[in-house]
């Protein structure tokens, strides 16, 4: 997504209230995130997923290896069956 010109323009040009309204606070996006990740009908989980993805888009780690390590350590376990 960071390589897409349209996405980059939106991410760099959007005001914080627009990010909250259209992405972070959007209940439909949270529902879709929950459905796609099999976390069930859990709006809180969906919102967490959206916010994690947004944070990685807006504030990526310094390099690919660090970012991958962060995702593997903190995100993957949430979606791995116990």
C-alpha atoms as a PDB file:
ATOM      1  CA  UNK A   1       0.000   0.000   0.000  1.00  0.00           C
ATOM      2  CA  UNK A   2       2.884   2.378   0.722  1.00  0.00           C
ATOM      3  CA  UNK A   3       3.993   2.018  -2.891  1.00  0.00           C
ATOM      4  CA  UNK A   4       0.597   3.098  -4.264  1.00  0.00           C
ATOM      5  CA  UNK A   5       0.622   6.778  -5.273  1.00  0.00           C
ATOM      6  CA  UNK A   6      -3.054   7.344  -4.455  1.00  0.00           C
ATOM      7  CA  UNK A   7      -2.751   5.728  -1.032  1.00  0.00           C
ATOM      8  CA  UNK A   8       0.378   7.726  -0.239  1.00  0.00           C
ATOM      9  CA  UNK A   9      -1.339  10.961  -1.270  1.00  0.00           C
ATOM     10  CA  UNK A  10      -4.262  10.184   1.027  1.00  0.00           C
ATOM     11  CA  UNK A  11      -2.121   9.074   3.937  1.00  0.00           C
ATOM     12  CA  UNK A  12       0.139  12.115   3.694  1.00  0.00           C
ATOM     13  CA  UNK A  13      -2.593  14.645   2.966  1.00  0.00           C
ATOM     14  CA  UNK A  14      -5.425  13.575   5.243  1.00  0.00           C
ATOM     15  CA  UNK A  15      -6.247  15.528   8.365  1.00  0.00           C
ATOM     16  CA  UNK A  16      -6.377  13.556  11.638  1.00  0.00           C
ATOM     17  CA  UNK A  17     -10.166  13.891  11.862  1.00  0.00           C
ATOM     18  CA  UNK A  18     -10.479  12.417   8.360  1.00  0.00           C
ATOM     19  CA  UNK A  19      -8.349   9.427   9.347  1.00  0.00           C
ATOM     20  CA  UNK A  20     -10.558   8.885  12.404  1.00  0.00           C
ATOM     21  CA  UNK A  21     -13.797   9.316  10.472  1.00  0.00           C
ATOM     22  CA  UNK A  22     -13.026   7.245   7.402  1.00  0.00           C
ATOM     23  CA  UNK A  23     -10.576   4.672   8.726  1.00  0.00           C
ATOM     24  CA  UNK A  24      -9.813   4.287  12.421  1.00  0.00           C
ATOM     25  CA  UNK A  25     -13.322   5.015  13.692  1.00  0.00           C
ATOM     26  CA  UNK A  26     -15.261   3.450  10.848  1.00  0.00           C
ATOM     27  CA  UNK A  27     -17.400   0.608  12.253  1.00  0.00           C
ATOM     28  CA  UNK A  28     -17.801  -1.047   8.851  1.00  0.00           C
ATOM     29  CA  UNK A  29     -14.057  -1.203   8.357  1.00  0.00           C
ATOM     30  CA  UNK A  30     -13.689  -2.716  11.828  1.00  0.00           C
ATOM     31  CA  UNK A  31     -16.377  -5.294  10.967  1.00  0.00           C
ATOM     32  CA  UNK A  32     -14.574  -6.168   7.749  1.00  0.00           C
ATOM     33  CA  UNK A  33     -11.273  -6.524   9.609  1.00  0.00           C
ATOM     34  CA  UNK A  34     -12.903  -8.859  12.121  1.00  0.00           C
ATOM     35  CA  UNK A  35     -14.471 -10.940   9.367  1.00  0.00           C
ATOM     36  CA  UNK A  36     -11.267 -11.196   7.339  1.00  0.00           C
ATOM     37  CA  UNK A  37      -9.189 -12.240  10.322  1.00  0.00           C
ATOM     38  CA  UNK A  38     -11.703 -14.667  11.836  1.00  0.00           C
ATOM     39  CA  UNK A  39     -11.820 -12.826  15.163  1.00  0.00           C
ATOM     40  CA  UNK A  40     -15.586 -13.175  15.131  1.00  0.00           C
ATOM     41  CA  UNK A  41     -18.172 -10.487  15.650  1.00  0.00           C
ATOM     42  CA  UNK A  42     -15.959  -8.405  17.897  1.00  0.00           C
ATOM     43  CA  UNK A  43     -15.991  -4.670  17.143  1.00  0.00           C
ATOM     44  CA  UNK A  44     -13.163  -3.984  19.588  1.00  0.00           C
ATOM     45  CA  UNK A  45     -10.900  -6.538  17.895  1.00  0.00           C
ATOM     46  CA  UNK A  46     -11.772  -5.115  14.496  1.00  0.00           C
ATOM     47  CA  UNK A  47     -10.951  -1.592  15.597  1.00  0.00           C
ATOM     48  CA  UNK A  48      -7.652  -2.784  17.088  1.00  0.00           C
ATOM     49  CA  UNK A  49      -6.730  -4.452  13.795  1.00  0.00           C
ATOM     50  CA  UNK A  50      -7.526  -1.295  11.822  1.00  0.00           C
ATOM     51  CA  UNK A  51      -5.468   0.852  14.196  1.00  0.00           C
ATOM     52  CA  UNK A  52      -2.479  -1.516  14.089  1.00  0.00           C
ATOM     53  CA  UNK A  53      -2.507  -1.545  10.297  1.00  0.00           C
ATOM     54  CA  UNK A  54      -2.820   2.247  10.179  1.00  0.00           C
ATOM     55  CA  UNK A  55       0.029   2.701  12.622  1.00  0.00           C
ATOM     56  CA  UNK A  56       2.270   0.492  10.493  1.00  0.00           C
ATOM     57  CA  UNK A  57       1.287   2.472   7.390  1.00  0.00           C
ATOM     58  CA  UNK A  58       1.815   5.893   8.957  1.00  0.00           C
ATOM     59  CA  UNK A  59       4.823   5.061  11.120  1.00  0.00           C
ATOM     60  CA  UNK A  60       6.669   2.141   9.582  1.00  0.00           C
ATOM     61  CA  UNK A  61       9.661   0.643  11.303  1.00  0.00           C
ATOM     62  CA  UNK A  62      13.061   1.806  10.141  1.00  0.00           C
ATOM     63  CA  UNK A  63      13.662  -1.209   7.925  1.00  0.00           C
ATOM     64  CA  UNK A  64      11.909  -4.267   6.544  1.00  0.00           C
ATOM     65  CA  UNK A  65      13.495  -6.737   8.985  1.00  0.00           C
ATOM     66  CA  UNK A  66      12.445  -4.728  12.043  1.00  0.00           C
ATOM     67  CA  UNK A  67       8.926  -4.282  10.753  1.00  0.00           C
ATOM     68  CA  UNK A  68       8.615  -7.982   9.985  1.00  0.00           C
ATOM     69  CA  UNK A  69       9.886  -8.855  13.465  1.00  0.00           C
ATOM     70  CA  UNK A  70       7.287  -6.533  15.037  1.00  0.00           C
ATOM     71  CA  UNK A  71       4.460  -8.100  13.059  1.00  0.00           C
ATOM     72  CA  UNK A  72       5.621 -11.647  13.735  1.00  0.00           C
ATOM     73  CA  UNK A  73       6.071 -11.021  17.457  1.00  0.00           C
ATOM     74  CA  UNK A  74       2.984  -8.949  18.251  1.00  0.00           C
ATOM     75  CA  UNK A  75       0.413  -9.321  15.468  1.00  0.00           C
ATOM     76  CA  UNK A  76       0.687 -12.914  14.264  1.00  0.00           C
ATOM     77  CA  UNK A  77       0.070 -14.458  17.718  1.00  0.00           C
ATOM     78  CA  UNK A  78      -3.308 -12.725  17.896  1.00  0.00           C
ATOM     79  CA  UNK A  79      -4.469 -14.642  14.826  1.00  0.00           C
ATOM     80  CA  UNK A  80      -2.833 -17.981  15.614  1.00  0.00           C
ATOM     81  CA  UNK A  81      -5.159 -20.569  17.131  1.00  0.00           C
ATOM     82  CA  UNK A  82      -4.235 -21.537  20.675  1.00  0.00           C
END
